[in-house]
Amino acid sequence: MEKDIIISSTPTDIQIAVLEDQKLVELQRQKKDFQYAVGDIFLGSIKMVRQGLNAAFLNVGDRSDAFLHFTDLGPQINSLRKYTKQVVNGEHKTASLKNFKLEPENPKNGKITQVFDRKELCLVQILKEPISTKGPRLTCEITLPGRFIVLTPFENMVAVSKKIADEAERKRLKTLVESIKPPNFGVIIRTAAQGKKVADLHDEIRTLERKWTNIFEELSKTRAPKKLLSELDKTTSLIRDLMNDSFHRIIMDSKEDYNTTKEYLNGIAPEKLKILKQYNGKKHIFEHYNVNKQIKSSFGKAPTLSSGAYIVIEHTEAMHVIDVNSGPKTKRENQEDTAVRVNMETGKEIARQLRLRDIGGLIIIDFIDMRNQENKLKLYRAMKGFMEFDRAQHTILPLSKFGLMQITRQRVKPALKIETNEVCGACNGSGKVSPSSLISDEIERDLDFIMKNIPYTSLSLKLHPFVYSFFKQGFINRQMHWFWKYKKWINLSAEPSYFVNQYRFLDNFEDEIRLT
């Protein structure tokens, strides 16, 4: 599978599109001055401790108080509190934890009122971005992520990614890291470390140690609330987490971002510099690489698949609900076979939509009913496979007796919403039509259904003059292509009174062919 990253940058924000085999699977947007990104480390102060919630509310500078639950304190919270207090008071004068005495672990079933006092300072990390009126969610389990490893202060364990299956390689990596890690720091070895030499791992540990030193220096001279360390910008953090041999291209239109990314790649993976490209074309980069068209066809309430099946995505306060429909143009077989085929096709699209829109929380999917228990199990296994490439933590349950599938997916930021409808000029903006850039795809889909399912001796297509000109452009135009494909001539005619998105198929009696 070939992966491309297409990056569009403006003075105020950045958009990142991830394509797998030319198909859009992830779209991320972020303001360049965004203050609270997942991974940022802050010095916060306790404002309230709520015994009933077993949680604390902290001031980290946001208009809404940040939320810290007891389960996010981590077992090393006592060591973290001690370190924070000693550095702020000037008692601990070095970033090194070599001579720092770790405190006993925090019990799993304790109370937050036994941990924090009001106005106490605390070192915290953003776990979830602010969503709606809610402030950011915090954790006290501080992590410093790199490409190959993640450094965790106040621990001594070394863990290896479960995705590294080879037992000899797991043992080799663990032995190497145990010999080079700093005292009182734990290390999580990431999948990308597989096959890497000790020099690569050692260099990254030194880099992450320098980040910890920067935190120490800021902590020793600042007052709460204060950001101590920013996560990498969206571009470099995405490249860090996704970079592997399947990447084909990284293309960006900003010279400044290109130079920054080039410098970053040169430091972590010089061999990957050849896949970094700067786009200098006249068209917008998303237009050139067909991203905008995919955005318009993928977002909206009811995305449609090439077969005519479609899904309806509804958002409520508590969950997302997805309904699967076969559509009027779906090829008809026996009911069970149709249900299996449509469920499989839409299941793959649903997995893509969850990644693309970054939908989190509880998701309920109403698939088309199937009677055969083996088919239900087949769909459940297929859905797990479809979501294999989803980086967000998720859990999938088998179909219930009501034919519903439940999925929980980690949510760290608001779901991405994009309005895809265009204002209709015929009613001065009071109505909306489907995106005009997709009109040719809709006509192709309808024509294919008609030619395969409804026998007509002759067929005509009436179009808006703009679309008519587009289809008639060139000698080997769309009309000629249809003749070769279907062995039947399709008569085209322009109708000035039509809207740009309006078209009609007519039979040999000049009657309209209705497909819905």
Protein backbone atom coordinates (compact mmCIF):
# COMPACT_ATOMS: atom_id res chain seq x y z
CA MET A 1 0.00 0.00 0.00
CA GLU A 2 1.41 3.37 -1.04
CA LYS A 3 0.85 6.29 1.31
CA ASP A 4 1.03 9.98 0.45
CA ILE A 5 0.86 13.01 2.73
CA ILE A 6 -0.41 16.18 1.03
CA ILE A 7 0.03 19.36 3.09
CA SER A 8 -1.62 22.70 2.39
CA SER A 9 -0.49 25.68 4.47
CA THR A 10 -1.82 29.22 4.91
CA PRO A 11 -0.61 31.99 7.25
CA THR A 12 -3.28 30.99 9.81
CA ASP A 13 -3.77 27.23 9.54
CA ILE A 14 -2.53 23.98 8.08
CA GLN A 15 -4.43 21.10 6.40
CA ILE A 16 -2.96 17.61 6.13
CA ALA A 17 -4.42 14.89 3.92
CA VAL A 18 -3.26 11.27 4.18
CA LEU A 19 -3.92 9.15 1.09
CA GLU A 20 -3.65 5.37 0.88
CA ASP A 21 -3.46 4.15 -2.72
CA GLN A 22 -4.71 7.61 -3.81
CA LYS A 23 -7.78 7.37 -1.52
CA LEU A 24 -8.31 9.95 1.23
CA VAL A 25 -8.29 8.28 4.67
CA GLU A 26 -7.29 11.07 7.06
CA LEU A 27 -7.81 14.82 7.04
CA GLN A 28 -6.43 17.01 9.80
CA ARG A 29 -6.80 20.75 10.31
CA GLN A 30 -5.15 22.92 12.91
CA LYS A 31 -4.71 26.61 13.58
CA LYS A 32 -1.04 27.59 13.68
CA ASP A 33 -1.55 29.43 16.96
CA PHE A 34 -3.50 26.56 18.59
CA GLN A 35 -2.62 26.55 22.27
CA TYR A 36 -3.69 23.13 23.53
CA ALA A 37 -2.45 20.19 21.46
CA VAL A 38 -2.32 16.60 22.68
CA GLY A 39 1.13 16.03 24.18
CA ASP A 40 1.77 19.60 25.37
CA ILE A 41 3.18 19.77 28.91
CA PHE A 42 1.99 22.47 31.36
CA LEU A 43 2.57 23.60 34.88
CA GLY A 44 -0.95 23.90 36.25
CA SER A 45 -2.46 24.77 39.62
CA ILE A 46 -5.28 22.94 41.39
CA LYS A 47 -8.46 25.05 41.55
CA MET A 48 -10.97 22.50 42.85
CA VAL A 49 -10.92 18.91 44.08
CA ARG A 50 -14.24 17.12 43.71
CA GLN A 51 -14.61 14.04 45.91
CA GLY A 52 -17.83 12.93 44.18
CA LEU A 53 -16.15 12.91 40.75
CA ASN A 54 -12.84 11.67 42.19
CA ALA A 55 -11.26 14.34 40.02
CA ALA A 56 -9.59 17.75 40.16
CA PHE A 57 -10.00 20.86 38.05
CA LEU A 58 -6.83 22.74 37.14
CA ASN A 59 -5.97 26.14 35.74
CA VAL A 60 -3.68 25.72 32.72
CA GLY A 61 -4.59 29.02 31.07
CA ASP A 62 -7.69 27.92 29.13
CA ARG A 63 -11.02 29.76 29.52
CA SER A 64 -12.44 26.47 30.87
CA ASP A 65 -10.81 24.57 33.73
CA ALA A 66 -8.90 21.47 32.71
CA PHE A 67 -10.09 18.09 34.01
CA LEU A 68 -7.86 15.54 35.76
CA HIS A 69 -9.40 12.25 36.90
CA PHE A 70 -7.86 9.98 39.52
CA THR A 71 -7.35 7.21 36.94
CA ASP A 72 -5.12 9.58 34.92
CA LEU A 73 -2.76 10.32 37.82
CA GLY A 74 -0.64 7.24 37.18
CA PRO A 75 1.22 5.16 39.76
CA GLN A 76 4.17 7.63 39.91
CA ILE A 77 2.12 10.72 40.88
CA ASN A 78 3.82 10.98 44.30
CA SER A 79 7.26 11.14 42.65
CA LEU A 80 5.98 13.71 40.13
CA ARG A 81 4.53 15.92 42.88
CA LYS A 82 7.75 15.72 44.88
CA TYR A 83 9.89 16.59 41.83
CA THR A 84 7.65 19.52 40.85
CA LYS A 85 7.72 20.96 44.35
CA GLN A 86 11.49 20.57 44.74
CA VAL A 87 12.29 22.16 41.34
CA VAL A 88 9.90 25.11 41.87
CA ASN A 89 11.38 25.73 45.35
CA GLY A 90 14.95 25.44 44.06
CA GLU A 91 15.75 22.33 46.10
CA HIS A 92 16.40 20.09 43.07
CA LYS A 93 19.04 21.78 40.90
CA THR A 94 19.50 19.36 38.02
CA ALA A 95 17.30 17.79 35.37
CA SER A 96 18.87 14.39 36.02
CA LEU A 97 16.88 11.89 38.06
CA LYS A 98 19.96 9.83 38.94
CA ASN A 99 19.98 10.85 42.61
CA PHE A 100 16.23 11.45 42.86
CA LYS A 101 14.54 9.05 45.28
CA LEU A 102 11.30 7.67 43.84
CA GLU A 103 8.24 7.67 46.08
CA PRO A 104 5.94 4.64 46.63
CA GLU A 105 3.39 4.02 43.89
CA ASN A 106 -0.09 5.50 44.19
CA PRO A 107 -2.83 2.89 44.93
CA LYS A 108 -5.21 2.17 42.03
CA ASN A 109 -8.37 2.56 44.12
CA GLY A 110 -7.49 5.66 46.11
CA LYS A 111 -9.18 9.05 46.40
CA ILE A 112 -7.95 12.21 44.73
CA THR A 113 -8.61 14.16 47.95
CA GLN A 114 -5.78 12.11 49.50
CA VAL A 115 -3.39 13.25 46.75
CA PHE A 116 -3.89 16.97 46.05
CA ASP A 117 -4.39 20.11 48.06
CA ARG A 118 -6.06 23.24 46.67
CA LYS A 119 -3.68 25.66 44.84
CA GLU A 120 -1.00 22.98 44.63
CA LEU A 121 1.19 23.15 41.52
CA CYS A 122 1.30 20.09 39.28
CA LEU A 123 3.13 19.02 36.13
CA VAL A 124 0.51 17.78 33.62
CA GLN A 125 0.22 16.76 29.97
CA ILE A 126 -2.70 17.32 27.57
CA LEU A 127 -4.54 14.03 27.04
CA LYS A 128 -7.53 15.40 25.08
CA GLU A 129 -7.97 18.76 23.39
CA PRO A 130 -10.77 21.11 24.53
CA ILE A 131 -14.10 19.93 23.07
CA SER A 132 -17.10 22.28 22.90
CA THR A 133 -17.43 23.95 26.33
CA LYS A 134 -15.21 21.37 28.03
CA GLY A 135 -11.63 22.25 28.85
CA PRO A 136 -8.70 19.95 28.03
CA ARG A 137 -8.40 16.59 29.78
CA LEU A 138 -5.08 16.03 31.54
CA THR A 139 -2.82 13.21 32.63
CA CYS A 140 0.06 13.12 35.11
CA GLU A 141 1.70 10.19 33.32
CA ILE A 142 4.23 12.31 31.45
CA THR A 143 5.57 10.88 28.18
CA LEU A 144 8.17 12.24 25.77
CA PRO A 145 7.57 10.52 22.41
CA GLY A 146 10.20 10.01 19.74
CA ARG A 147 10.17 8.09 16.48
CA PHE A 148 11.65 4.89 17.94
CA ILE A 149 11.01 5.17 21.68
CA VAL A 150 8.89 6.96 24.27
CA LEU A 151 10.65 8.20 27.43
CA THR A 152 8.67 8.11 30.70
CA PRO A 153 10.16 9.82 33.81
CA PHE A 154 9.94 8.36 37.34
CA GLU A 155 9.86 4.74 36.11
CA ASN A 156 12.43 2.03 35.46
CA MET A 157 10.56 -0.40 33.22
CA VAL A 158 11.35 -1.15 29.55
CA ALA A 159 8.38 -2.23 27.42
CA VAL A 160 8.34 -3.38 23.78
CA SER A 161 5.53 -2.78 21.28
CA LYS A 162 3.28 -5.81 20.85
CA LYS A 163 3.46 -5.32 17.08
CA ILE A 164 7.08 -6.53 17.15
CA ALA A 165 6.33 -10.24 16.96
CA ASP A 166 9.85 -11.69 16.62
CA GLU A 167 10.91 -12.82 20.11
CA ALA A 168 14.65 -12.55 19.39
CA GLU A 169 14.22 -8.96 18.17
CA ARG A 170 12.15 -8.06 21.23
CA LYS A 171 14.85 -9.42 23.51
CA ARG A 172 17.62 -7.63 21.54
CA LEU A 173 15.87 -4.27 21.72
CA LYS A 174 15.05 -4.61 25.40
CA THR A 175 18.64 -5.52 26.28
CA LEU A 176 20.01 -2.60 24.24
CA VAL A 177 17.68 -0.02 25.76
CA GLU A 178 18.24 -1.23 29.33
CA SER A 179 21.97 -0.63 28.84
CA ILE A 180 21.62 2.97 27.57
CA LYS A 181 18.52 4.43 29.24
CA PRO A 182 19.01 7.14 31.91
CA PRO A 183 18.38 6.26 35.58
CA ASN A 184 14.78 6.54 36.83
CA PHE A 185 13.42 6.82 33.31
CA GLY A 186 11.23 4.16 31.74
CA VAL A 187 11.23 3.45 27.99
CA ILE A 188 8.53 2.20 25.62
CA ILE A 189 10.07 0.79 22.45
CA ARG A 190 7.92 1.62 19.40
CA THR A 191 7.34 -0.58 16.34
CA ALA A 192 9.55 1.69 14.21
CA ALA A 193 12.58 0.66 16.32
CA GLN A 194 12.54 -2.84 14.82
CA GLY A 195 15.94 -3.55 13.22
CA LYS A 196 17.52 -0.28 14.39
CA LYS A 197 21.07 -0.10 15.70
CA VAL A 198 22.09 0.98 19.19
CA ALA A 199 23.42 4.29 17.83
CA ASP A 200 19.95 5.23 16.47
CA LEU A 201 18.28 4.48 19.81
CA HIS A 202 21.03 6.20 21.81
CA ASP A 203 20.76 9.39 19.73
CA GLU A 204 17.01 9.55 20.24
CA ILE A 205 17.31 9.00 23.99
CA ARG A 206 19.77 11.92 24.16
CA THR A 207 17.33 14.08 22.16
CA LEU A 208 14.45 13.24 24.52
CA GLU A 209 16.68 13.88 27.53
CA ARG A 210 17.33 17.38 26.19
CA LYS A 211 13.55 17.93 26.06
CA TRP A 212 13.33 16.91 29.72
CA THR A 213 16.14 19.37 30.50
CA ASN A 214 14.16 22.13 28.78
CA ILE A 215 11.14 21.27 30.96
CA PHE A 216 13.34 21.44 34.07
CA GLU A 217 14.74 24.84 33.09
CA GLU A 218 11.27 26.27 32.41
CA LEU A 219 9.86 24.74 35.59
CA SER A 220 12.59 26.25 37.77
CA LYS A 221 11.88 29.83 36.68
CA THR A 222 8.16 30.02 35.83
CA ARG A 223 4.81 30.47 37.55
CA ALA A 224 1.58 28.56 36.89
CA PRO A 225 -0.23 28.41 34.58
CA LYS A 226 2.48 28.02 31.94
CA LYS A 227 3.19 25.83 28.92
CA LEU A 228 6.57 24.18 29.48
CA LEU A 229 6.92 22.13 26.32
CA SER A 230 4.99 22.14 23.04
CA GLU A 231 4.34 19.00 21.06
CA LEU A 232 5.78 19.05 17.57
CA ASP A 233 3.66 20.91 15.05
CA LYS A 234 0.97 18.86 13.32
CA THR A 235 3.08 18.10 10.27
CA THR A 236 6.21 16.80 11.97
CA SER A 237 4.29 14.91 14.68
CA LEU A 238 2.24 13.11 12.01
CA ILE A 239 5.39 12.25 10.06
CA ARG A 240 7.05 11.02 13.24
CA ASP A 241 4.14 8.70 14.10
CA LEU A 242 3.37 7.42 10.58
CA MET A 243 6.76 7.26 8.89
CA ASN A 244 7.51 3.81 7.50
CA ASP A 245 8.65 2.14 4.27
CA SER A 246 5.15 2.29 2.73
CA PHE A 247 5.33 6.08 2.41
CA HIS A 248 5.63 7.14 -1.20
CA ARG A 249 5.54 10.95 -1.09
CA ILE A 250 5.31 13.90 1.29
CA ILE A 251 4.21 16.94 -0.71
CA MET A 252 3.76 20.45 0.68
CA ASP A 253 3.10 23.86 -0.85
CA SER A 254 4.80 26.04 1.77
CA LYS A 255 8.51 26.74 1.33
CA GLU A 256 8.88 27.47 5.06
CA ASP A 257 7.19 24.20 6.10
CA TYR A 258 9.16 22.34 3.44
CA ASN A 259 12.47 23.57 4.91
CA THR A 260 11.33 22.77 8.48
CA THR A 261 10.25 19.25 7.51
CA LYS A 262 13.45 18.73 5.51
CA GLU A 263 15.51 19.64 8.56
CA TYR A 264 13.43 17.32 10.76
CA LEU A 265 13.71 14.39 8.32
CA ASN A 266 17.43 14.97 7.97
CA GLY A 267 17.71 14.48 11.71
CA ILE A 268 15.53 11.39 12.14
CA ALA A 269 15.60 9.62 8.75
CA PRO A 270 17.98 11.10 6.12
CA GLU A 271 17.17 8.25 3.74
CA LYS A 272 13.58 9.58 3.52
CA LEU A 273 14.56 13.02 2.18
CA LYS A 274 14.04 11.77 -1.37
CA ILE A 275 10.27 11.39 -0.83
CA LEU A 276 9.87 15.01 0.34
CA LYS A 277 8.65 17.27 -2.47
CA GLN A 278 7.63 20.91 -2.70
CA TYR A 279 4.60 21.68 -4.86
CA ASN A 280 4.90 24.73 -7.13
CA GLY A 281 1.92 24.23 -9.45
CA LYS A 282 -0.63 26.93 -10.35
CA LYS A 283 -3.63 24.99 -9.03
CA HIS A 284 -4.29 24.64 -5.30
CA ILE A 285 -2.37 21.59 -4.08
CA PHE A 286 -5.60 19.86 -2.95
CA GLU A 287 -7.14 20.42 -6.39
CA HIS A 288 -4.09 19.05 -8.18
CA TYR A 289 -4.02 15.84 -6.16
CA ASN A 290 -7.82 15.36 -6.22
CA VAL A 291 -8.19 15.87 -2.47
CA ASN A 292 -10.93 18.51 -2.65
CA LYS A 293 -13.15 16.29 -4.78
CA GLN A 294 -12.72 13.41 -2.35
CA ILE A 295 -13.56 15.72 0.57
CA LYS A 296 -16.83 16.75 -1.11
CA SER A 297 -17.78 13.17 -1.93
CA SER A 298 -16.84 11.80 1.50
CA PHE A 299 -18.35 14.35 3.90
CA GLY A 300 -21.98 15.27 4.30
CA LYS A 301 -24.76 13.39 6.02
CA ALA A 302 -25.12 10.52 3.49
CA PRO A 303 -21.93 9.48 1.64
CA THR A 304 -22.72 7.30 -1.41
CA LEU A 305 -20.60 4.39 -2.66
CA SER A 306 -19.94 3.56 -6.30
CA SER A 307 -22.40 0.64 -6.20
CA GLY A 308 -25.26 2.95 -5.17
CA ALA A 309 -25.31 1.82 -1.53
CA TYR A 310 -25.02 4.62 1.00
CA ILE A 311 -24.66 5.29 4.69
CA VAL A 312 -26.35 7.94 6.83
CA ILE A 313 -24.28 9.40 9.68
CA GLU A 314 -26.11 11.11 12.53
CA HIS A 315 -24.53 12.75 15.57
CA THR A 316 -26.21 12.96 18.95
CA GLU A 317 -24.91 14.32 22.25
CA ALA A 318 -24.00 10.83 23.48
CA MET A 319 -22.98 8.92 20.34
CA HIS A 320 -22.77 8.67 16.56
CA VAL A 321 -25.33 6.50 14.77
CA ILE A 322 -24.69 5.08 11.29
CA ASP A 323 -27.43 3.52 9.16
CA VAL A 324 -26.56 1.28 6.19
CA ASN A 325 -28.81 1.34 3.08
CA SER A 326 -28.55 -0.70 -0.11
CA GLY A 327 -29.88 2.14 -2.29
CA PRO A 328 -32.29 1.93 -5.26
CA LYS A 329 -29.56 1.13 -7.80
CA THR A 330 -28.01 -1.82 -6.00
CA LYS A 331 -27.89 -5.01 -8.01
CA ARG A 332 -30.61 -7.36 -6.75
CA GLU A 333 -29.76 -10.92 -5.69
CA ASN A 334 -31.33 -13.02 -2.98
CA GLN A 335 -31.82 -11.02 0.21
CA GLU A 336 -29.05 -12.65 2.25
CA ASP A 337 -26.39 -12.33 -0.48
CA THR A 338 -27.32 -8.69 -1.08
CA ALA A 339 -27.13 -7.95 2.64
CA VAL A 340 -23.69 -9.57 2.98
CA ARG A 341 -22.27 -7.77 -0.07
CA VAL A 342 -23.63 -4.34 0.92
CA ASN A 343 -22.58 -4.76 4.57
CA MET A 344 -19.04 -5.69 3.55
CA GLU A 345 -18.75 -2.75 1.16
CA THR A 346 -20.19 -0.21 3.57
CA GLY A 347 -18.19 -1.65 6.49
CA LYS A 348 -14.97 -0.76 4.70
CA GLU A 349 -16.30 2.74 3.98
CA ILE A 350 -17.43 3.20 7.59
CA ALA A 351 -13.92 2.34 8.82
CA ARG A 352 -12.56 4.99 6.44
CA GLN A 353 -15.16 7.55 7.56
CA LEU A 354 -14.27 7.05 11.23
CA ARG A 355 -10.63 7.85 10.47
CA LEU A 356 -11.44 10.64 8.03
CA ARG A 357 -13.86 12.50 10.31
CA ASP A 358 -11.98 11.41 13.46
CA ILE A 359 -15.24 10.27 15.02
CA GLY A 360 -14.77 9.19 18.63
CA GLY A 361 -16.79 7.94 21.57
CA LEU A 362 -19.60 5.43 21.12
CA ILE A 363 -20.59 4.51 17.55
CA ILE A 364 -23.67 2.39 16.76
CA ILE A 365 -23.94 0.86 13.25
CA ASP A 366 -27.25 -0.48 11.97
CA PHE A 367 -26.19 -2.95 9.25
CA ILE A 368 -28.69 -4.61 6.91
CA ASP A 369 -30.22 -7.63 8.67
CA MET A 370 -28.61 -11.01 8.01
CA ARG A 371 -30.10 -14.31 9.12
CA ASN A 372 -27.04 -16.54 8.78
CA GLN A 373 -24.93 -16.54 11.95
CA GLU A 374 -21.79 -17.34 9.95
CA ASN A 375 -22.32 -14.22 7.85
CA LYS A 376 -22.62 -12.11 10.99
CA LEU A 377 -19.34 -13.51 12.28
CA LYS A 378 -17.77 -12.91 8.86
CA LEU A 379 -18.79 -9.22 8.97
CA TYR A 380 -17.43 -8.83 12.51
CA ARG A 381 -14.03 -10.26 11.49
CA ALA A 382 -13.98 -8.13 8.34
CA MET A 383 -14.71 -4.98 10.34
CA LYS A 384 -11.76 -5.68 12.63
CA GLY A 385 -9.60 -6.02 9.53
CA PHE A 386 -10.94 -2.78 8.01
CA MET A 387 -9.99 -0.87 11.17
CA GLU A 388 -6.57 -2.45 11.50
CA PHE A 389 -4.84 0.69 10.17
CA ASP A 390 -6.72 3.05 12.51
CA ARG A 391 -4.17 4.56 14.93
CA ALA A 392 -6.84 5.54 17.48
CA GLN A 393 -7.55 2.98 20.19
CA HIS A 394 -10.83 1.23 19.46
CA THR A 395 -12.95 -1.73 20.51
CA ILE A 396 -15.40 -3.56 18.22
CA LEU A 397 -18.19 -5.78 19.51
CA PRO A 398 -19.94 -8.51 17.45
CA LEU A 399 -23.41 -7.86 16.02
CA SER A 400 -26.12 -7.90 18.67
CA LYS A 401 -29.35 -9.87 18.28
CA PHE A 402 -30.89 -6.66 16.92
CA GLY A 403 -28.26 -6.49 14.13
CA LEU A 404 -26.39 -3.55 15.68
CA MET A 405 -22.60 -3.27 15.92
CA GLN A 406 -21.08 -1.20 18.73
CA ILE A 407 -17.68 0.45 18.37
CA THR A 408 -15.86 2.63 20.88
CA ARG A 409 -13.08 4.79 19.46
CA GLN A 410 -10.66 7.03 21.32
CA ARG A 411 -11.57 10.70 21.09
CA VAL A 412 -8.83 13.27 21.71
CA LYS A 413 -10.33 16.20 19.77
CA PRO A 414 -13.67 17.25 18.23
CA ALA A 415 -14.88 15.28 15.19
CA LEU A 416 -14.12 17.00 11.88
CA LYS A 417 -17.20 18.55 10.25
CA ILE A 418 -17.15 19.96 6.71
CA GLU A 419 -20.15 21.47 4.92
CA THR A 420 -20.13 20.02 1.40
CA ASN A 421 -23.30 21.51 -0.07
CA GLU A 422 -23.05 24.44 -2.49
CA VAL A 423 -25.38 27.43 -2.63
CA CYS A 424 -27.85 27.18 -5.53
CA GLY A 425 -27.76 30.27 -7.74
CA ALA A 426 -31.31 29.67 -9.01
CA CYS A 427 -32.78 30.56 -5.59
CA ASN A 428 -30.23 33.17 -4.43
CA GLY A 429 -28.83 31.00 -1.70
CA SER A 430 -32.07 29.79 -0.13
CA GLY A 431 -31.57 26.18 -1.27
CA LYS A 432 -28.68 23.75 -1.65
CA VAL A 433 -27.65 21.14 -4.19
CA SER A 434 -25.06 18.38 -4.28
CA PRO A 435 -21.51 19.54 -5.10
CA SER A 436 -21.25 20.38 -8.80
CA SER A 437 -17.79 18.82 -9.01
CA LEU A 438 -19.43 15.40 -8.52
CA ILE A 439 -22.07 15.71 -11.27
CA SER A 440 -20.09 13.66 -13.79
CA ASP A 441 -19.65 10.83 -11.25
CA GLU A 442 -23.40 10.80 -10.53
CA ILE A 443 -24.26 10.66 -14.25
CA GLU A 444 -21.76 7.83 -14.81
CA ARG A 445 -23.26 5.87 -11.91
CA ASP A 446 -26.84 6.31 -13.15
CA LEU A 447 -25.95 5.48 -16.75
CA ASP A 448 -24.12 2.31 -15.72
CA PHE A 449 -27.16 1.17 -13.73
CA ILE A 450 -29.53 1.88 -16.64
CA MET A 451 -27.42 0.10 -19.24
CA LYS A 452 -26.98 -3.00 -17.08
CA ASN A 453 -30.50 -3.30 -15.71
CA ILE A 454 -33.03 -1.55 -17.99
CA PRO A 455 -33.11 -2.46 -21.72
CA TYR A 456 -33.85 0.56 -23.91
CA THR A 457 -33.64 0.73 -27.70
CA SER A 458 -32.47 4.34 -27.48
CA LEU A 459 -31.39 6.63 -24.70
CA SER A 460 -31.02 10.42 -24.41
CA LEU A 461 -29.43 12.60 -21.78
CA LYS A 462 -30.35 16.25 -21.21
CA LEU A 463 -27.79 18.42 -19.43
CA HIS A 464 -26.92 21.95 -18.45
CA PRO A 465 -24.91 23.60 -21.30
CA PHE A 466 -21.74 23.75 -19.17
CA VAL A 467 -21.85 20.01 -18.44
CA TYR A 468 -22.84 19.28 -22.05
CA SER A 469 -19.72 21.13 -23.28
CA PHE A 470 -17.55 19.23 -20.83
CA PHE A 471 -18.88 15.85 -22.03
CA LYS A 472 -18.46 16.83 -25.72
CA GLN A 473 -14.95 18.18 -25.35
CA GLY A 474 -12.38 16.54 -27.66
CA PHE A 475 -12.72 13.83 -30.31
CA ILE A 476 -12.47 10.96 -27.81
CA ASN A 477 -15.00 12.59 -25.52
CA ARG A 478 -17.26 11.16 -22.84
CA GLN A 479 -19.99 10.36 -25.39
CA MET A 480 -17.56 8.37 -27.55
CA HIS A 481 -16.21 6.57 -24.51
CA TRP A 482 -19.75 5.48 -23.59
CA PHE A 483 -20.32 4.15 -27.11
CA TRP A 484 -17.24 1.94 -26.87
CA LYS A 485 -18.16 0.78 -23.36
CA TYR A 486 -21.88 0.01 -23.88
CA LYS A 487 -22.01 -0.51 -27.67
CA LYS A 488 -24.92 1.97 -27.80
CA TRP A 489 -25.02 5.63 -28.79
CA ILE A 490 -26.22 7.99 -26.05
CA ASN A 491 -27.79 11.17 -27.46
CA LEU A 492 -26.75 14.33 -25.60
CA SER A 493 -28.57 17.64 -25.66
CA ALA A 494 -28.09 20.95 -23.82
CA GLU A 495 -30.97 22.42 -21.85
CA PRO A 496 -30.34 26.09 -20.86
CA SER A 497 -33.17 26.08 -18.31
CA TYR A 498 -31.52 23.34 -16.19
CA PHE A 499 -29.44 24.08 -13.11
CA VAL A 500 -25.80 23.08 -13.40
CA ASN A 501 -26.45 19.93 -11.30
CA GLN A 502 -29.66 18.98 -13.09
CA TYR A 503 -29.90 16.24 -15.71
CA ARG A 504 -32.49 13.79 -17.04
CA PHE A 505 -32.32 10.46 -18.86
CA LEU A 506 -35.05 9.97 -21.49
CA ASP A 507 -36.16 6.73 -23.15
CA ASN A 508 -37.13 6.22 -26.84
CA PHE A 509 -40.59 7.68 -26.09
CA GLU A 510 -39.03 10.85 -24.64
CA ASP A 511 -40.27 9.87 -21.18
CA GLU A 512 -38.03 10.51 -18.20
CA ILE A 513 -36.34 7.46 -16.68
CA ARG A 514 -36.76 7.74 -12.92
CA LEU A 515 -34.25 5.80 -10.80
CA THR A 516 -35.64 6.61 -7.33
